[in-house]
Amino acid sequence: MAVTRLKRKDRRNKTSSVLRKQRIKLNTKLVSIKSPNVERTVILED
């Protein structure tokens, strides 16, 4: 009886670890956004 309980717990741990890895990857993904002011760059001289 304890074996099936351990198997269920193992399955639950596997799925939760997979979900946790997915969330970490999504949250740490670097998103590069192109600056909208690239054309309007102005150099100020003193």
PDB file of N, CA and C in Angstrom:
ATOM      1  N   MET A   1       0.815  -1.200   0.000  1.00  0.00           N
ATOM      2  CA  MET A   1       0.000   0.000   0.000  1.00  0.00           C
ATOM      3  C   MET A   1       0.859   1.264   0.000  1.00  0.00           C
ATOM      4  N   ALA A   2       1.945   1.208   0.716  1.00  0.00           N
ATOM      5  CA  ALA A   2       2.822   2.375   0.791  1.00  0.00           C
ATOM      6  C   ALA A   2       3.495   2.642  -0.545  1.00  0.00           C
ATOM      7  N   VAL A   3       3.660   1.582  -1.346  1.00  0.00           N
ATOM      8  CA  VAL A   3       4.332   1.740  -2.646  1.00  0.00           C
ATOM      9  C   VAL A   3       3.509   2.628  -3.567  1.00  0.00           C
ATOM     10  N   THR A   4       2.192   2.395  -3.622  1.00  0.00           N
ATOM     11  CA  THR A   4       1.358   3.202  -4.510  1.00  0.00           C
ATOM     12  C   THR A   4       1.322   4.650  -4.044  1.00  0.00           C
ATOM     13  N   ARG A   5       1.342   4.844  -2.724  1.00  0.00           N
ATOM     14  CA  ARG A   5       1.352   6.209  -2.195  1.00  0.00           C
ATOM     15  C   ARG A   5       2.642   6.919  -2.612  1.00  0.00           C
ATOM     16  N   LEU A   6       3.766   6.199  -2.538  1.00  0.00           N
ATOM     17  CA  LEU A   6       5.042   6.791  -2.941  1.00  0.00           C
ATOM     18  C   LEU A   6       5.069   7.081  -4.431  1.00  0.00           C
ATOM     19  N   LYS A   7       4.470   6.193  -5.220  1.00  0.00           N
ATOM     20  CA  LYS A   7       4.418   6.427  -6.669  1.00  0.00           C
ATOM     21  C   LYS A   7       3.611   7.688  -6.979  1.00  0.00           C
ATOM     22  N   ARG A   8       2.473   7.837  -6.263  1.00  0.00           N
ATOM     23  CA  ARG A   8       1.647   9.030  -6.479  1.00  0.00           C
ATOM     24  C   ARG A   8       2.409  10.284  -6.075  1.00  0.00           C
ATOM     25  N   LYS A   9       3.096  10.210  -4.941  1.00  0.00           N
ATOM     26  CA  LYS A   9       3.867  11.361  -4.463  1.00  0.00           C
ATOM     27  C   LYS A   9       4.981  11.689  -5.451  1.00  0.00           C
ATOM     28  N   ASP A  10       5.628  10.646  -6.001  1.00  0.00           N
ATOM     29  CA  ASP A  10       6.691  10.844  -6.975  1.00  0.00           C
ATOM     30  C   ASP A  10       6.159  11.544  -8.220  1.00  0.00           C
ATOM     31  N   ARG A  11       4.992  11.113  -8.692  1.00  0.00           N
ATOM     32  CA  ARG A  11       4.394  11.721  -9.876  1.00  0.00           C
ATOM     33  C   ARG A  11       4.060  13.188  -9.618  1.00  0.00           C
ATOM     34  N   ARG A  12       3.517  13.459  -8.413  1.00  0.00           N
ATOM     35  CA  ARG A  12       3.170  14.831  -8.050  1.00  0.00           C
ATOM     36  C   ARG A  12       4.422  15.705  -7.980  1.00  0.00           C
ATOM     37  N   ASN A  13       5.497  15.164  -7.416  1.00  0.00           N
ATOM     38  CA  ASN A  13       6.747  15.918  -7.342  1.00  0.00           C
ATOM     39  C   ASN A  13       7.307  16.216  -8.725  1.00  0.00           C
ATOM     40  N   LYS A  14       7.219  15.229  -9.613  1.00  0.00           N
ATOM     41  CA  LYS A  14       7.739  15.430 -10.976  1.00  0.00           C
ATOM     42  C   LYS A  14       6.977  16.537 -11.697  1.00  0.00           C
ATOM     43  N   THR A  15       5.648  16.473 -11.620  1.00  0.00           N
ATOM     44  CA  THR A  15       4.858  17.473 -12.327  1.00  0.00           C
ATOM     45  C   THR A  15       5.063  18.861 -11.731  1.00  0.00           C
ATOM     46  N   SER A  16       5.146  18.945 -10.394  1.00  0.00           N
ATOM     47  CA  SER A  16       5.343  20.265  -9.788  1.00  0.00           C
ATOM     48  C   SER A  16       6.718  20.821 -10.122  1.00  0.00           C
ATOM     49  N   SER A  17       7.728  19.960 -10.222  1.00  0.00           N
ATOM     50  CA  SER A  17       9.062  20.456 -10.567  1.00  0.00           C
ATOM     51  C   SER A  17       9.104  20.919 -12.023  1.00  0.00           C
ATOM     52  N   VAL A  18       8.394  20.212 -12.900  1.00  0.00           N
ATOM     53  CA  VAL A  18       8.338  20.635 -14.304  1.00  0.00           C
ATOM     54  C   VAL A  18       7.662  21.998 -14.410  1.00  0.00           C
ATOM     55  N   LEU A  19       6.542  22.172 -13.699  1.00  0.00           N
ATOM     56  CA  LEU A  19       5.837  23.451 -13.732  1.00  0.00           C
ATOM     57  C   LEU A  19       6.695  24.563 -13.152  1.00  0.00           C
ATOM     58  N   ARG A  20       7.409  24.262 -12.068  1.00  0.00           N
ATOM     59  CA  ARG A  20       8.276  25.266 -11.452  1.00  0.00           C
ATOM     60  C   ARG A  20       9.379  25.688 -12.415  1.00  0.00           C
ATOM     61  N   LYS A  21       9.977  24.724 -13.120  1.00  0.00           N
ATOM     62  CA  LYS A  21      11.023  25.046 -14.107  1.00  0.00           C
ATOM     63  C   LYS A  21      10.464  25.923 -15.223  1.00  0.00           C
ATOM     64  N   GLN A  22       9.253  25.599 -15.696  1.00  0.00           N
ATOM     65  CA  GLN A  22       8.634  26.395 -16.756  1.00  0.00           C
ATOM     66  C   GLN A  22       8.402  27.826 -16.301  1.00  0.00           C
ATOM     67  N   ARG A  23       7.907  27.993 -15.064  1.00  0.00           N
ATOM     68  CA  ARG A  23       7.658  29.346 -14.554  1.00  0.00           C
ATOM     69  C   ARG A  23       8.955  30.126 -14.406  1.00  0.00           C
ATOM     70  N   ILE A  24       9.999  29.463 -13.939  1.00  0.00           N
ATOM     71  CA  ILE A  24      11.295  30.137 -13.785  1.00  0.00           C
ATOM     72  C   ILE A  24      11.820  30.578 -15.149  1.00  0.00           C
ATOM     73  N   LYS A  25      11.705  29.705 -16.149  1.00  0.00           N
ATOM     74  CA  LYS A  25      12.169  30.058 -17.494  1.00  0.00           C
ATOM     75  C   LYS A  25      11.385  31.243 -18.046  1.00  0.00           C
ATOM     76  N   LEU A  26      10.068  31.241 -17.841  1.00  0.00           N
ATOM     77  CA  LEU A  26       9.241  32.343 -18.340  1.00  0.00           C
ATOM     78  C   LEU A  26       9.589  33.658 -17.651  1.00  0.00           C
ATOM     79  N   ASN A  27       9.828  33.595 -16.347  1.00  0.00           N
ATOM     80  CA  ASN A  27      10.083  34.817 -15.597  1.00  0.00           C
ATOM     81  C   ASN A  27      11.476  35.379 -15.821  1.00  0.00           C
ATOM     82  N   THR A  28      12.423  34.529 -16.173  1.00  0.00           N
ATOM     83  CA  THR A  28      13.789  35.016 -16.344  1.00  0.00           C
ATOM     84  C   THR A  28      14.155  35.230 -17.808  1.00  0.00           C
ATOM     85  N   LYS A  29      13.205  34.989 -18.711  1.00  0.00           N
ATOM     86  CA  LYS A  29      13.479  35.160 -20.134  1.00  0.00           C
ATOM     87  C   LYS A  29      13.751  36.635 -20.426  1.00  0.00           C
ATOM     88  N   LEU A  30      14.836  36.884 -21.111  1.00  0.00           N
ATOM     89  CA  LEU A  30      15.215  38.254 -21.433  1.00  0.00           C
ATOM     90  C   LEU A  30      14.483  38.696 -22.687  1.00  0.00           C
ATOM     91  N   VAL A  31      13.768  39.766 -22.592  1.00  0.00           N
ATOM     92  CA  VAL A  31      13.010  40.280 -23.725  1.00  0.00           C
ATOM     93  C   VAL A  31      13.687  41.561 -24.190  1.00  0.00           C
ATOM     94  N   SER A  32      14.089  41.570 -25.448  1.00  0.00           N
ATOM     95  CA  SER A  32      14.729  42.774 -25.971  1.00  0.00           C
ATOM     96  C   SER A  32      13.698  43.589 -26.741  1.00  0.00           C
ATOM     97  N   ILE A  33      13.538  44.811 -26.325  1.00  0.00           N
ATOM     98  CA  ILE A  33      12.575  45.714 -26.957  1.00  0.00           C
ATOM     99  C   ILE A  33      13.366  46.786 -27.684  1.00  0.00           C
ATOM    100  N   LYS A  34      13.060  46.955 -28.945  1.00  0.00           N
ATOM    101  CA  LYS A  34      13.737  47.979 -29.728  1.00  0.00           C
ATOM    102  C   LYS A  34      13.267  49.355 -29.269  1.00  0.00           C
ATOM    103  N   SER A  35      14.220  50.237 -29.090  1.00  0.00           N
ATOM    104  CA  SER A  35      13.890  51.570 -28.615  1.00  0.00           C
ATOM    105  C   SER A  35      13.133  52.351 -29.693  1.00  0.00           C
ATOM    106  N   PRO A  36      12.055  53.017 -29.340  1.00  0.00           N
ATOM    107  CA  PRO A  36      11.304  53.789 -30.341  1.00  0.00           C
ATOM    108  C   PRO A  36      11.995  55.113 -30.697  1.00  0.00           C
ATOM    109  N   ASN A  37      13.007  55.504 -29.912  1.00  0.00           N
ATOM    110  CA  ASN A  37      13.659  56.792 -30.136  1.00  0.00           C
ATOM    111  C   ASN A  37      14.983  56.674 -30.896  1.00  0.00           C
ATOM    112  N   VAL A  38      15.184  55.609 -31.612  1.00  0.00           N
ATOM    113  CA  VAL A  38      16.451  55.404 -32.311  1.00  0.00           C
ATOM    114  C   VAL A  38      16.653  56.468 -33.395  1.00  0.00           C
ATOM    115  N   GLU A  39      15.595  56.801 -34.088  1.00  0.00           N
ATOM    116  CA  GLU A  39      15.724  57.779 -35.182  1.00  0.00           C
ATOM    117  C   GLU A  39      15.903  59.198 -34.651  1.00  0.00           C
ATOM    118  N   ARG A  40      15.444  59.464 -33.451  1.00  0.00           N
ATOM    119  CA  ARG A  40      15.445  60.831 -32.923  1.00  0.00           C
ATOM    120  C   ARG A  40      16.601  61.083 -31.942  1.00  0.00           C
ATOM    121  N   THR A  41      17.699  60.399 -32.120  1.00  0.00           N
ATOM    122  CA  THR A  41      18.831  60.586 -31.218  1.00  0.00           C
ATOM    123  C   THR A  41      19.492  61.927 -31.514  1.00  0.00           C
ATOM    124  N   VAL A  42      19.706  62.722 -30.473  1.00  0.00           N
ATOM    125  CA  VAL A  42      20.294  64.058 -30.627  1.00  0.00           C
ATOM    126  C   VAL A  42      21.530  64.133 -29.751  1.00  0.00           C
ATOM    127  N   ILE A  43      22.624  64.661 -30.324  1.00  0.00           N
ATOM    128  CA  ILE A  43      23.848  64.847 -29.554  1.00  0.00           C
ATOM    129  C   ILE A  43      23.911  66.310 -29.147  1.00  0.00           C
ATOM    130  N   LEU A  44      24.007  66.541 -27.854  1.00  0.00           N
ATOM    131  CA  LEU A  44      24.079  67.910 -27.343  1.00  0.00           C
ATOM    132  C   LEU A  44      25.538  68.287 -27.106  1.00  0.00           C
ATOM    133  N   GLU A  45      25.919  69.415 -27.619  1.00  0.00           N
ATOM    134  CA  GLU A  45      27.285  69.890 -27.427  1.00  0.00           C
ATOM    135  C   GLU A  45      27.247  71.144 -26.559  1.00  0.00           C
ATOM    136  N   ASP A  46      28.190  71.227 -25.606  1.00  0.00           N
ATOM    137  CA  ASP A  46      28.251  72.402 -24.734  1.00  0.00           C
ATOM    138  C   ASP A  46      29.129  73.485 -25.308  1.00  0.00           C
TER     139      ASP A  46
END
